[in-house]
Amino acid sequence: MTGVPLGDSLANLCSRYRSRYCDSTATGEELYSQIPQGLAGEICPFDDQKADASAWLDKLPVIVDFRRRLLGG
């Protein structure tokens, strides 16, 4: 086993790639994203409807606290 086992809800939250897609609306194309503006990275190599969310995930308090505790900082 590698990594740290996570509960289902935390594992889903920490998935590196999050949904991001354009949808047609009455006023044109609109971007929908689970990743806050400015924090989406490269498009997922196996699903072009997702983008790398690492920059956003690295800022989440649960991740910051986990790393602080793990690394002793």
PDB file of N, CA and C in Angstrom:
ATOM      1  N   MET A   1       0.845  -1.183   0.000  1.00  0.00           N
ATOM      2  CA  MET A   1       0.000   0.000   0.000  1.00  0.00           C
ATOM      3  C   MET A   1       0.886   1.240   0.000  1.00  0.00           C
ATOM      4  N   THR A   2       0.525   2.202  -0.819  1.00  0.00           N
ATOM      5  CA  THR A   2       1.264   3.456  -0.832  1.00  0.00           C
ATOM      6  C   THR A   2       0.340   4.584  -0.419  1.00  0.00           C
ATOM      7  N   GLY A   3       0.914   5.670   0.032  1.00  0.00           N
ATOM      8  CA  GLY A   3       0.108   6.834   0.406  1.00  0.00           C
ATOM      9  C   GLY A   3      -0.554   6.662   1.747  1.00  0.00           C
ATOM     10  N   VAL A   4      -1.491   7.533   2.003  1.00  0.00           N
ATOM     11  CA  VAL A   4      -2.218   7.553   3.268  1.00  0.00           C
ATOM     12  C   VAL A   4      -3.671   7.209   2.978  1.00  0.00           C
ATOM     13  N   PRO A   5      -4.230   6.217   3.688  1.00  0.00           N
ATOM     14  CA  PRO A   5      -5.633   5.893   3.444  1.00  0.00           C
ATOM     15  C   PRO A   5      -6.546   7.039   3.891  1.00  0.00           C
ATOM     16  N   LEU A   6      -7.517   7.359   3.070  1.00  0.00           N
ATOM     17  CA  LEU A   6      -8.453   8.443   3.370  1.00  0.00           C
ATOM     18  C   LEU A   6      -9.874   7.903   3.377  1.00  0.00           C
ATOM     19  N   GLY A   7     -10.742   8.534   4.142  1.00  0.00           N
ATOM     20  CA  GLY A   7     -12.163   8.208   4.071  1.00  0.00           C
ATOM     21  C   GLY A   7     -12.682   8.573   2.694  1.00  0.00           C
ATOM     22  N   ASP A   8     -13.807   8.001   2.301  1.00  0.00           N
ATOM     23  CA  ASP A   8     -14.354   8.239   0.957  1.00  0.00           C
ATOM     24  C   ASP A   8     -14.560   9.716   0.653  1.00  0.00           C
ATOM     25  N   SER A   9     -15.115  10.488   1.591  1.00  0.00           N
ATOM     26  CA  SER A   9     -15.394  11.891   1.299  1.00  0.00           C
ATOM     27  C   SER A   9     -14.112  12.694   1.128  1.00  0.00           C
ATOM     28  N   LEU A  10     -13.092  12.433   1.935  1.00  0.00           N
ATOM     29  CA  LEU A  10     -11.829  13.153   1.808  1.00  0.00           C
ATOM     30  C   LEU A  10     -11.080  12.708   0.555  1.00  0.00           C
ATOM     31  N   ALA A  11     -11.136  11.432   0.245  1.00  0.00           N
ATOM     32  CA  ALA A  11     -10.472  10.940  -0.969  1.00  0.00           C
ATOM     33  C   ALA A  11     -11.095  11.577  -2.207  1.00  0.00           C
ATOM     34  N   ASN A  12     -12.415  11.730  -2.224  1.00  0.00           N
ATOM     35  CA  ASN A  12     -13.084  12.365  -3.354  1.00  0.00           C
ATOM     36  C   ASN A  12     -12.683  13.832  -3.454  1.00  0.00           C
ATOM     37  N   LEU A  13     -12.620  14.520  -2.333  1.00  0.00           N
ATOM     38  CA  LEU A  13     -12.226  15.924  -2.316  1.00  0.00           C
ATOM     39  C   LEU A  13     -10.803  16.103  -2.831  1.00  0.00           C
ATOM     40  N   CYS A  14      -9.925  15.187  -2.482  1.00  0.00           N
ATOM     41  CA  CYS A  14      -8.504  15.325  -2.800  1.00  0.00           C
ATOM     42  C   CYS A  14      -8.113  14.757  -4.153  1.00  0.00           C
ATOM     43  N   SER A  15      -9.080  14.361  -4.955  1.00  0.00           N
ATOM     44  CA  SER A  15      -8.773  13.892  -6.291  1.00  0.00           C
ATOM     45  C   SER A  15      -8.044  15.000  -7.052  1.00  0.00           C
ATOM     46  N   ARG A  16      -6.919  14.678  -7.655  1.00  0.00           N
ATOM     47  CA  ARG A  16      -6.090  15.699  -8.318  1.00  0.00           C
ATOM     48  C   ARG A  16      -6.819  16.403  -9.458  1.00  0.00           C
ATOM     49  N   TYR A  17      -7.630  15.670 -10.201  1.00  0.00           N
ATOM     50  CA  TYR A  17      -8.315  16.257 -11.345  1.00  0.00           C
ATOM     51  C   TYR A  17      -9.786  16.498 -11.008  1.00  0.00           C
ATOM     52  N   ARG A  18     -10.253  17.711 -11.297  1.00  0.00           N
ATOM     53  CA  ARG A  18     -11.632  18.091 -11.007  1.00  0.00           C
ATOM     54  C   ARG A  18     -12.318  18.522 -12.299  1.00  0.00           C
ATOM     55  N   SER A  19     -13.647  18.404 -12.318  1.00  0.00           N
ATOM     56  CA  SER A  19     -14.434  18.725 -13.512  1.00  0.00           C
ATOM     57  C   SER A  19     -14.344  20.188 -13.899  1.00  0.00           C
ATOM     58  N   ARG A  20     -14.307  20.389 -15.203  1.00  0.00           N
ATOM     59  CA  ARG A  20     -14.236  21.719 -15.796  1.00  0.00           C
ATOM     60  C   ARG A  20     -14.715  21.568 -17.225  1.00  0.00           C
ATOM     61  N   TYR A  21     -15.791  22.252 -17.588  1.00  0.00           N
ATOM     62  CA  TYR A  21     -16.314  22.086 -18.935  1.00  0.00           C
ATOM     63  C   TYR A  21     -17.084  23.328 -19.378  1.00  0.00           C
ATOM     64  N   CYS A  22     -17.258  23.463 -20.659  1.00  0.00           N
ATOM     65  CA  CYS A  22     -18.055  24.542 -21.236  1.00  0.00           C
ATOM     66  C   CYS A  22     -19.430  23.990 -21.584  1.00  0.00           C
ATOM     67  N   ASP A  23     -20.428  24.823 -21.375  1.00  0.00           N
ATOM     68  CA  ASP A  23     -21.793  24.434 -21.677  1.00  0.00           C
ATOM     69  C   ASP A  23     -22.450  25.552 -22.487  1.00  0.00           C
ATOM     70  N   SER A  24     -23.240  25.171 -23.456  1.00  0.00           N
ATOM     71  CA  SER A  24     -23.950  26.168 -24.262  1.00  0.00           C
ATOM     72  C   SER A  24     -25.147  26.697 -23.477  1.00  0.00           C
ATOM     73  N   THR A  25     -25.272  28.015 -23.471  1.00  0.00           N
ATOM     74  CA  THR A  25     -26.416  28.659 -22.832  1.00  0.00           C
ATOM     75  C   THR A  25     -27.065  29.585 -23.854  1.00  0.00           C
ATOM     76  N   ALA A  26     -28.158  30.207 -23.486  1.00  0.00           N
ATOM     77  CA  ALA A  26     -28.846  31.140 -24.394  1.00  0.00           C
ATOM     78  C   ALA A  26     -27.958  32.320 -24.748  1.00  0.00           C
ATOM     79  N   THR A  27     -26.986  32.634 -23.872  1.00  0.00           N
ATOM     80  CA  THR A  27     -26.103  33.776 -24.116  1.00  0.00           C
ATOM     81  C   THR A  27     -24.723  33.363 -24.620  1.00  0.00           C
ATOM     82  N   GLY A  28     -24.549  32.091 -24.943  1.00  0.00           N
ATOM     83  CA  GLY A  28     -23.264  31.616 -25.459  1.00  0.00           C
ATOM     84  C   GLY A  28     -22.646  30.551 -24.567  1.00  0.00           C
ATOM     85  N   GLU A  29     -21.368  30.293 -24.785  1.00  0.00           N
ATOM     86  CA  GLU A  29     -20.648  29.287 -24.001  1.00  0.00           C
ATOM     87  C   GLU A  29     -20.360  29.810 -22.596  1.00  0.00           C
ATOM     88  N   GLU A  30     -20.530  28.935 -21.609  1.00  0.00           N
ATOM     89  CA  GLU A  30     -20.246  29.305 -20.227  1.00  0.00           C
ATOM     90  C   GLU A  30     -19.389  28.213 -19.589  1.00  0.00           C
ATOM     91  N   LEU A  31     -18.316  28.617 -18.898  1.00  0.00           N
ATOM     92  CA  LEU A  31     -17.415  27.669 -18.241  1.00  0.00           C
ATOM     93  C   LEU A  31     -17.953  27.310 -16.865  1.00  0.00           C
ATOM     94  N   TYR A  32     -18.042  26.023 -16.586  1.00  0.00           N
ATOM     95  CA  TYR A  32     -18.387  25.523 -15.272  1.00  0.00           C
ATOM     96  C   TYR A  32     -17.156  24.811 -14.733  1.00  0.00           C
ATOM     97  N   SER A  33     -16.799  25.093 -13.500  1.00  0.00           N
ATOM     98  CA  SER A  33     -15.585  24.510 -12.940  1.00  0.00           C
ATOM     99  C   SER A  33     -15.731  24.269 -11.451  1.00  0.00           C
ATOM    100  N   GLN A  34     -15.219  23.127 -10.981  1.00  0.00           N
ATOM    101  CA  GLN A  34     -15.149  22.851  -9.547  1.00  0.00           C
ATOM    102  C   GLN A  34     -13.921  23.532  -8.944  1.00  0.00           C
ATOM    103  N   ILE A  35     -13.048  24.042  -9.781  1.00  0.00           N
ATOM    104  CA  ILE A  35     -11.794  24.658  -9.341  1.00  0.00           C
ATOM    105  C   ILE A  35     -11.971  26.175  -9.361  1.00  0.00           C
ATOM    106  N   PRO A  36     -11.630  26.858  -8.271  1.00  0.00           N
ATOM    107  CA  PRO A  36     -11.759  28.325  -8.270  1.00  0.00           C
ATOM    108  C   PRO A  36     -10.937  28.973  -9.382  1.00  0.00           C
ATOM    109  N   GLN A  37     -11.441  30.112  -9.864  1.00  0.00           N
ATOM    110  CA  GLN A  37     -10.793  30.841 -10.950  1.00  0.00           C
ATOM    111  C   GLN A  37      -9.327  31.115 -10.629  1.00  0.00           C
ATOM    112  N   GLY A  38      -8.470  30.882 -11.604  1.00  0.00           N
ATOM    113  CA  GLY A  38      -7.045  31.147 -11.470  1.00  0.00           C
ATOM    114  C   GLY A  38      -6.236  29.997 -10.881  1.00  0.00           C
ATOM    115  N   LEU A  39      -6.903  28.920 -10.443  1.00  0.00           N
ATOM    116  CA  LEU A  39      -6.181  27.816  -9.809  1.00  0.00           C
ATOM    117  C   LEU A  39      -6.208  26.525 -10.610  1.00  0.00           C
ATOM    118  N   ALA A  40      -6.833  26.525 -11.776  1.00  0.00           N
ATOM    119  CA  ALA A  40      -6.870  25.324 -12.614  1.00  0.00           C
ATOM    120  C   ALA A  40      -5.543  25.174 -13.342  1.00  0.00           C
ATOM    121  N   GLY A  41      -5.027  23.962 -13.331  1.00  0.00           N
ATOM    122  CA  GLY A  41      -3.763  23.676 -14.008  1.00  0.00           C
ATOM    123  C   GLY A  41      -3.997  23.039 -15.363  1.00  0.00           C
ATOM    124  N   GLU A  42      -3.078  22.183 -15.746  1.00  0.00           N
ATOM    125  CA  GLU A  42      -3.122  21.503 -17.048  1.00  0.00           C
ATOM    126  C   GLU A  42      -4.357  20.620 -17.170  1.00  0.00           C
ATOM    127  N   ILE A  43      -4.812  20.446 -18.404  1.00  0.00           N
ATOM    128  CA  ILE A  43      -5.933  19.553 -18.692  1.00  0.00           C
ATOM    129  C   ILE A  43      -5.483  18.113 -18.415  1.00  0.00           C
ATOM    130  N   CYS A  44      -6.387  17.330 -17.844  1.00  0.00           N
ATOM    131  CA  CYS A  44      -6.123  15.927 -17.531  1.00  0.00           C
ATOM    132  C   CYS A  44      -5.763  15.167 -18.810  1.00  0.00           C
ATOM    133  N   PRO A  45      -4.699  14.350 -18.798  1.00  0.00           N
ATOM    134  CA  PRO A  45      -4.282  13.641 -20.012  1.00  0.00           C
ATOM    135  C   PRO A  45      -5.256  12.554 -20.465  1.00  0.00           C
ATOM    136  N   PHE A  46      -6.145  12.088 -19.584  1.00  0.00           N
ATOM    137  CA  PHE A  46      -7.064  11.029 -19.970  1.00  0.00           C
ATOM    138  C   PHE A  46      -8.537  11.454 -19.936  1.00  0.00           C
ATOM    139  N   ASP A  47      -8.820  12.745 -19.628  1.00  0.00           N
ATOM    140  CA  ASP A  47     -10.194  13.238 -19.609  1.00  0.00           C
ATOM    141  C   ASP A  47     -10.174  14.750 -19.810  1.00  0.00           C
ATOM    142  N   ASP A  48     -10.493  15.207 -21.022  1.00  0.00           N
ATOM    143  CA  ASP A  48     -10.379  16.641 -21.308  1.00  0.00           C
ATOM    144  C   ASP A  48     -11.473  17.487 -20.642  1.00  0.00           C
ATOM    145  N   GLN A  49     -12.353  16.853 -19.895  1.00  0.00           N
ATOM    146  CA  GLN A  49     -13.371  17.571 -19.130  1.00  0.00           C
ATOM    147  C   GLN A  49     -12.883  17.877 -17.708  1.00  0.00           C
ATOM    148  N   LYS A  50     -11.623  17.549 -17.408  1.00  0.00           N
ATOM    149  CA  LYS A  50     -11.069  17.777 -16.077  1.00  0.00           C
ATOM    150  C   LYS A  50      -9.733  18.507 -16.181  1.00  0.00           C
ATOM    151  N   ALA A  51      -9.381  19.217 -15.114  1.00  0.00           N
ATOM    152  CA  ALA A  51      -8.110  19.931 -15.068  1.00  0.00           C
ATOM    153  C   ALA A  51      -7.429  19.639 -13.737  1.00  0.00           C
ATOM    154  N   ASP A  52      -6.124  19.842 -13.690  1.00  0.00           N
ATOM    155  CA  ASP A  52      -5.333  19.628 -12.484  1.00  0.00           C
ATOM    156  C   ASP A  52      -5.743  20.650 -11.422  1.00  0.00           C
ATOM    157  N   ALA A  53      -6.135  20.161 -10.260  1.00  0.00           N
ATOM    158  CA  ALA A  53      -6.604  21.025  -9.169  1.00  0.00           C
ATOM    159  C   ALA A  53      -5.562  21.154  -8.056  1.00  0.00           C
ATOM    160  N   SER A  54      -4.329  20.723  -8.292  1.00  0.00           N
ATOM    161  CA  SER A  54      -3.301  20.706  -7.249  1.00  0.00           C
ATOM    162  C   SER A  54      -3.083  22.063  -6.578  1.00  0.00           C
ATOM    163  N   ALA A  55      -3.046  23.128  -7.364  1.00  0.00           N
ATOM    164  CA  ALA A  55      -2.804  24.460  -6.790  1.00  0.00           C
ATOM    165  C   ALA A  55      -3.914  24.844  -5.813  1.00  0.00           C
ATOM    166  N   TRP A  56      -5.140  24.446  -6.112  1.00  0.00           N
ATOM    167  CA  TRP A  56      -6.273  24.722  -5.217  1.00  0.00           C
ATOM    168  C   TRP A  56      -6.224  23.811  -4.002  1.00  0.00           C
ATOM    169  N   LEU A  57      -6.024  22.511  -4.231  1.00  0.00           N
ATOM    170  CA  LEU A  57      -5.997  21.552  -3.125  1.00  0.00           C
ATOM    171  C   LEU A  57      -4.908  21.883  -2.119  1.00  0.00           C
ATOM    172  N   ASP A  58      -3.764  22.357  -2.598  1.00  0.00           N
ATOM    173  CA  ASP A  58      -2.659  22.705  -1.701  1.00  0.00           C
ATOM    174  C   ASP A  58      -3.013  23.825  -0.733  1.00  0.00           C
ATOM    175  N   LYS A  59      -4.066  24.590  -1.032  1.00  0.00           N
ATOM    176  CA  LYS A  59      -4.482  25.704  -0.183  1.00  0.00           C
ATOM    177  C   LYS A  59      -5.586  25.328   0.807  1.00  0.00           C
ATOM    178  N   LEU A  60      -6.181  24.141   0.662  1.00  0.00           N
ATOM    179  CA  LEU A  60      -7.263  23.740   1.556  1.00  0.00           C
ATOM    180  C   LEU A  60      -6.744  23.549   2.978  1.00  0.00           C
ATOM    181  N   PRO A  61      -7.446  24.084   3.975  1.00  0.00           N
ATOM    182  CA  PRO A  61      -6.988  23.979   5.366  1.00  0.00           C
ATOM    183  C   PRO A  61      -6.706  22.555   5.822  1.00  0.00           C
ATOM    184  N   VAL A  62      -7.516  21.584   5.403  1.00  0.00           N
ATOM    185  CA  VAL A  62      -7.289  20.205   5.828  1.00  0.00           C
ATOM    186  C   VAL A  62      -5.956  19.681   5.282  1.00  0.00           C
ATOM    187  N   ILE A  63      -5.593  20.071   4.072  1.00  0.00           N
ATOM    188  CA  ILE A  63      -4.323  19.644   3.477  1.00  0.00           C
ATOM    189  C   ILE A  63      -3.153  20.370   4.136  1.00  0.00           C
ATOM    190  N   VAL A  64      -3.307  21.679   4.337  1.00  0.00           N
ATOM    191  CA  VAL A  64      -2.257  22.471   4.993  1.00  0.00           C
ATOM    192  C   VAL A  64      -1.975  21.910   6.383  1.00  0.00           C
ATOM    193  N   ASP A  65      -3.037  21.618   7.146  1.00  0.00           N
ATOM    194  CA  ASP A  65      -2.875  21.090   8.501  1.00  0.00           C
ATOM    195  C   ASP A  65      -2.238  19.701   8.478  1.00  0.00           C
ATOM    196  N   PHE A  66      -2.671  18.856   7.555  1.00  0.00           N
ATOM    197  CA  PHE A  66      -2.102  17.513   7.443  1.00  0.00           C
ATOM    198  C   PHE A  66      -0.598  17.587   7.178  1.00  0.00           C
ATOM    199  N   ARG A  67      -0.212  18.413   6.224  1.00  0.00           N
ATOM    200  CA  ARG A  67       1.219  18.529   5.894  1.00  0.00           C
ATOM    201  C   ARG A  67       2.012  19.117   7.053  1.00  0.00           C
ATOM    202  N   ARG A  68       1.427  20.087   7.744  1.00  0.00           N
ATOM    203  CA  ARG A  68       2.109  20.697   8.893  1.00  0.00           C
ATOM    204  C   ARG A  68       2.346  19.637   9.969  1.00  0.00           C
ATOM    205  N   ARG A  69       1.335  18.831  10.238  1.00  0.00           N
ATOM    206  CA  ARG A  69       1.465  17.791  11.260  1.00  0.00           C
ATOM    207  C   ARG A  69       2.436  16.706  10.803  1.00  0.00           C
ATOM    208  N   LEU A  70       2.354  16.306   9.553  1.00  0.00           N
ATOM    209  CA  LEU A  70       3.206  15.246   9.024  1.00  0.00           C
ATOM    210  C   LEU A  70       4.665  15.677   8.989  1.00  0.00           C
ATOM    211  N   LEU A  71       4.903  16.917   8.565  1.00  0.00           N
ATOM    212  CA  LEU A  71       6.263  17.397   8.416  1.00  0.00           C
ATOM    213  C   LEU A  71       6.790  18.109   9.666  1.00  0.00           C
ATOM    214  N   GLY A  72       5.896  18.259  10.653  1.00  0.00           N
ATOM    215  CA  GLY A  72       6.325  18.865  11.921  1.00  0.00           C
ATOM    216  C   GLY A  72       6.582  20.357  11.844  1.00  0.00           C
ATOM    217  N   GLY A  73       6.027  21.031  10.862  1.00  0.00           N
ATOM    218  CA  GLY A  73       6.269  22.469  10.680  1.00  0.00           C
ATOM    219  C   GLY A  73       5.231  23.247  11.302  1.00  0.00           C
TER     220      GLY A  73
END
